[in-house]
Amino acid sequence: MTNVFQRLAETFEHDVRQLFNRQEVHASTSKTAANPIQALNTYIRDAEKRTEQTKRWVERQAQLKTKLEEEQTEAKTLLVKRQSQYELALLTNEQDLIDYARMEVDTYENRIHVLTSSIQRATEELILLERKHEEMKHKVKDMKVRQLQLMSTENVAKAHRDMDQVIEESLHSRPLASQEDMERYFEQPKAPAHEPEVPASTLEERLEQLSKNQETKTESRVE
């Protein structure tokens, strides 16, 4: 399990180093090329799955160690009981009881010895599993940090690409109006405002009225 995860971590580190050694993230990549962010997501999901599986193994190992300790406690209790019975059997001079009690004492002593050794080994293995489990959790966290770094690099690259595109297009396109054109426009003399045109019919009426007024004045002088 550890070797598999170690290979996964080494492959991840190699791929990430390649990604970060590139000068920029190119948008115009082949459709068959793997997306770096998607690749990182796959690594992280796999690592999290393995880390969770390791957690269950660590918990299982702790449970087995507890079971061994319970067996040892029980064996010690029975050993004390059989030792007392053996001493009583010696007082009876009954050989069959003495032999049976002695066999029971030896059995429990051997069992306690085996359990003590097993508990010690199980404890060492549990400590090792816990340490490796913590290392795996740190690896996953490091992967997530690298993921954020790569996302930041990708974001900056995309921003620069879009900005450069706008700048490049603006350099090759004719502006709507230059500063000089605007100044010439505002410096041009303004055309005088025209009075609103009076309809022709109204002008004719005024002329007719002038004629009538003149005729009236002439008639007045003749009289």
Protein backbone atom coordinates (compact mmCIF):
# COMPACT_ATOMS: atom_id res chain seq x y z
CA MET A 1 0.00 0.00 0.00
CA THR A 2 2.75 2.40 0.97
CA ASN A 3 4.76 1.60 -2.17
CA VAL A 4 1.74 2.23 -4.39
CA PHE A 5 1.03 5.56 -2.74
CA GLN A 6 4.70 6.50 -2.91
CA ARG A 7 4.74 5.85 -6.65
CA LEU A 8 1.59 7.93 -7.00
CA ALA A 9 3.17 10.80 -5.08
CA GLU A 10 6.40 10.61 -7.09
CA THR A 11 4.50 10.64 -10.38
CA PHE A 12 2.44 13.59 -9.16
CA GLU A 13 5.56 15.54 -8.18
CA HIS A 14 7.17 14.85 -11.56
CA ASP A 15 4.14 16.00 -13.51
CA VAL A 16 3.66 19.12 -11.41
CA ARG A 17 7.32 20.09 -11.79
CA GLN A 18 6.94 19.84 -15.55
CA LEU A 19 3.85 22.00 -15.45
CA PHE A 20 5.49 24.71 -13.37
CA ASN A 21 8.67 24.72 -15.42
CA ARG A 22 6.74 25.87 -18.48
CA GLN A 23 7.01 29.54 -19.30
CA GLU A 24 3.25 29.91 -19.66
CA VAL A 25 0.08 27.92 -19.95
CA HIS A 26 -1.00 27.82 -23.59
CA ALA A 27 -4.68 27.95 -24.35
CA SER A 28 -4.32 26.59 -27.88
CA THR A 29 -3.50 23.04 -26.84
CA SER A 30 -4.52 19.90 -28.63
CA LYS A 31 -7.92 18.46 -27.77
CA THR A 32 -6.21 15.21 -26.86
CA ALA A 33 -3.89 16.89 -24.35
CA ALA A 34 -4.76 16.36 -20.71
CA ASN A 35 -5.99 19.34 -18.75
CA PRO A 36 -3.47 20.01 -15.93
CA ILE A 37 -6.19 20.93 -13.45
CA GLN A 38 -8.15 17.78 -14.27
CA ALA A 39 -4.98 15.73 -13.85
CA LEU A 40 -4.40 17.24 -10.41
CA ASN A 41 -8.00 16.57 -9.43
CA THR A 42 -7.53 12.92 -10.37
CA TYR A 43 -4.34 12.69 -8.30
CA ILE A 44 -6.00 14.28 -5.30
CA ARG A 45 -9.11 12.09 -5.46
CA ASP A 46 -6.98 8.95 -5.67
CA ALA A 47 -4.73 10.10 -2.83
CA GLU A 48 -7.70 11.00 -0.62
CA LYS A 49 -9.27 7.59 -1.31
CA ARG A 50 -6.07 5.78 -0.35
CA THR A 51 -5.60 7.95 2.72
CA GLU A 52 -9.13 7.16 3.89
CA GLN A 53 -8.46 3.45 3.34
CA THR A 54 -5.27 3.73 5.39
CA LYS A 55 -7.23 5.41 8.17
CA ARG A 56 -9.48 2.36 8.40
CA TRP A 57 -6.44 0.10 8.61
CA VAL A 58 -4.97 2.21 11.40
CA GLU A 59 -8.25 2.03 13.31
CA ARG A 60 -8.39 -1.73 12.74
CA GLN A 61 -4.85 -2.15 14.03
CA ALA A 62 -5.73 -0.19 17.19
CA GLN A 63 -8.73 -2.47 17.74
CA LEU A 64 -6.59 -5.59 17.33
CA LYS A 65 -4.06 -4.23 19.81
CA THR A 66 -6.88 -3.65 22.30
CA LYS A 67 -8.10 -7.23 21.80
CA LEU A 68 -4.62 -8.57 22.51
CA GLU A 69 -4.43 -6.51 25.69
CA GLU A 70 -7.82 -7.90 26.79
CA GLU A 71 -6.58 -11.44 26.17
CA GLN A 72 -3.45 -10.71 28.20
CA THR A 73 -5.49 -9.36 31.13
CA GLU A 74 -7.69 -12.45 31.08
CA ALA A 75 -4.66 -14.78 30.94
CA LYS A 76 -3.02 -13.03 33.89
CA THR A 77 -6.20 -13.38 35.95
CA LEU A 78 -6.46 -17.11 35.16
CA LEU A 79 -2.76 -17.60 35.84
CA VAL A 80 -3.14 -16.24 39.37
CA LYS A 81 -6.11 -18.59 39.89
CA ARG A 82 -4.25 -21.66 38.60
CA GLN A 83 -1.15 -20.86 40.67
CA SER A 84 -3.31 -20.81 43.79
CA GLN A 85 -4.92 -24.10 42.78
CA TYR A 86 -1.54 -25.65 42.09
CA GLU A 87 -0.39 -24.79 45.60
CA LEU A 88 -3.53 -26.39 47.00
CA ALA A 89 -2.98 -29.48 44.84
CA LEU A 90 0.52 -29.88 46.23
CA LEU A 91 -1.01 -30.08 49.73
CA THR A 92 -3.35 -32.92 48.69
CA ASN A 93 -0.54 -35.10 47.33
CA GLU A 94 -2.89 -36.07 44.49
CA GLN A 95 -0.57 -36.34 41.50
CA ASP A 96 -3.21 -36.03 38.83
CA LEU A 97 -4.43 -32.69 40.28
CA ILE A 98 -0.86 -31.52 40.71
CA ASP A 99 0.00 -32.37 37.08
CA TYR A 100 -3.15 -30.72 35.75
CA ALA A 101 -2.64 -27.55 37.80
CA ARG A 102 1.02 -27.40 36.79
CA MET A 103 0.07 -27.77 33.10
CA GLU A 104 -2.50 -24.96 33.45
CA VAL A 105 0.06 -22.66 35.07
CA ASP A 106 2.58 -23.37 32.29
CA THR A 107 -0.07 -22.79 29.60
CA TYR A 108 -1.08 -19.40 30.94
CA GLU A 109 2.51 -18.35 31.50
CA ASN A 110 3.35 -19.20 27.88
CA ARG A 111 0.22 -17.46 26.66
CA ILE A 112 1.07 -14.30 28.59
CA HIS A 113 4.59 -14.39 27.15
CA VAL A 114 3.23 -14.70 23.59
CA LEU A 115 0.64 -11.99 24.17
CA THR A 116 3.21 -9.62 25.65
CA SER A 117 5.39 -10.05 22.59
CA SER A 118 2.40 -9.66 20.26
CA ILE A 119 1.24 -6.50 22.01
CA GLN A 120 4.69 -4.98 21.75
CA ARG A 121 4.87 -5.77 18.02
CA ALA A 122 1.30 -4.56 17.44
CA THR A 123 2.09 -1.31 19.23
CA GLU A 124 5.16 -0.72 17.09
CA GLU A 125 3.19 -1.46 13.93
CA LEU A 126 0.39 0.84 15.03
CA ILE A 127 2.83 3.67 15.61
CA LEU A 128 4.34 3.07 12.17
CA LEU A 129 0.91 3.06 10.50
CA GLU A 130 -0.12 6.24 12.33
CA ARG A 131 3.07 7.98 11.24
CA LYS A 132 2.64 6.94 7.61
CA HIS A 133 -1.01 7.93 7.72
CA GLU A 134 -0.01 11.41 8.87
CA GLU A 135 2.55 11.59 6.07
CA MET A 136 -0.14 10.68 3.57
CA LYS A 137 -2.44 13.40 4.89
CA HIS A 138 0.38 15.93 4.51
CA LYS A 139 0.96 14.68 0.96
CA VAL A 140 -2.69 15.26 0.13
CA LYS A 141 -2.51 18.74 1.63
CA ASP A 142 0.62 19.48 -0.40
CA MET A 143 -1.19 18.34 -3.53
CA LYS A 144 -4.05 20.72 -2.81
CA VAL A 145 -1.59 23.58 -2.30
CA ARG A 146 0.07 22.74 -5.63
CA GLN A 147 -3.39 22.64 -7.19
CA LEU A 148 -4.08 26.18 -5.99
CA GLN A 149 -0.69 27.30 -7.30
CA LEU A 150 -1.37 25.80 -10.70
CA MET A 151 -4.85 27.33 -10.81
CA SER A 152 -3.31 30.71 -10.00
CA THR A 153 -0.71 30.28 -12.74
CA GLU A 154 -3.40 29.28 -15.22
CA ASN A 155 -5.58 32.23 -14.22
CA VAL A 156 -2.74 34.73 -14.68
CA ALA A 157 -1.80 33.19 -18.02
CA LYS A 158 -5.37 33.47 -19.29
CA ALA A 159 -5.63 37.06 -18.06
CA HIS A 160 -2.38 38.03 -19.80
CA ARG A 161 -3.49 36.30 -22.99
CA ASP A 162 -6.81 38.17 -23.09
CA MET A 163 -5.16 41.48 -22.23
CA ASP A 164 -2.47 41.02 -24.88
CA GLN A 165 -5.14 40.18 -27.44
CA VAL A 166 -7.07 43.39 -26.72
CA ILE A 167 -3.86 45.44 -26.84
CA GLU A 168 -2.76 43.81 -30.09
CA GLU A 169 -6.13 44.41 -31.73
CA SER A 170 -6.17 48.05 -30.63
CA LEU A 171 -2.74 48.64 -32.21
CA HIS A 172 -3.89 47.37 -35.61
CA SER A 173 -7.30 49.02 -35.68
CA ARG A 174 -8.07 52.66 -36.66
CA PRO A 175 -9.34 54.67 -33.70
CA LEU A 176 -12.80 56.12 -33.99
CA ALA A 177 -11.51 59.66 -33.61
CA SER A 178 -8.03 60.94 -32.85
CA GLN A 179 -7.29 63.81 -30.51
CA GLU A 180 -6.49 66.08 -33.47
CA ASP A 181 -9.78 65.24 -35.19
CA MET A 182 -11.69 66.10 -32.04
CA GLU A 183 -9.87 69.43 -31.67
CA ARG A 184 -10.53 70.40 -35.32
CA TYR A 185 -14.19 69.56 -34.91
CA PHE A 186 -14.64 71.83 -31.92
CA GLU A 187 -12.59 74.65 -33.52
CA GLN A 188 -14.84 74.85 -36.59
CA PRO A 189 -17.10 78.00 -36.58
CA LYS A 190 -20.62 77.28 -35.68
CA ALA A 191 -23.25 77.98 -38.32
CA PRO A 192 -25.63 80.76 -37.28
CA ALA A 193 -28.90 79.64 -35.98
CA HIS A 194 -31.66 80.10 -38.54
CA GLU A 195 -35.00 81.57 -37.74
CA PRO A 196 -37.73 79.09 -38.26
CA GLU A 197 -39.19 79.39 -41.71
CA VAL A 198 -42.59 81.01 -41.92
CA PRO A 199 -45.04 79.22 -44.10
CA ALA A 200 -45.56 80.86 -47.51
CA SER A 201 -49.24 81.33 -46.93
CA THR A 202 -48.60 83.54 -43.94
CA LEU A 203 -46.17 85.75 -45.88
CA GLU A 204 -48.69 86.23 -48.64
CA GLU A 205 -51.32 87.25 -46.13
CA ARG A 206 -48.98 89.87 -44.70
CA LEU A 207 -48.20 91.24 -48.16
CA GLU A 208 -51.89 91.45 -48.93
CA GLN A 209 -52.44 93.26 -45.69
CA LEU A 210 -49.70 95.78 -46.53
CA SER A 211 -51.39 96.45 -49.83
CA LYS A 212 -54.72 97.00 -48.19
CA ASN A 213 -53.18 99.34 -45.63
CA GLN A 214 -51.50 101.37 -48.38
CA GLU A 215 -54.78 101.68 -50.32
CA THR A 216 -56.57 102.85 -47.23
CA LYS A 217 -53.95 105.58 -46.63
CA THR A 218 -54.21 106.74 -50.25
CA GLU A 219 -57.95 107.04 -50.12
CA SER A 220 -57.73 109.04 -46.95
CA ARG A 221 -55.42 111.65 -48.54
CA VAL A 222 -57.66 112.02 -51.60
CA GLU A 223 -60.66 112.87 -49.54
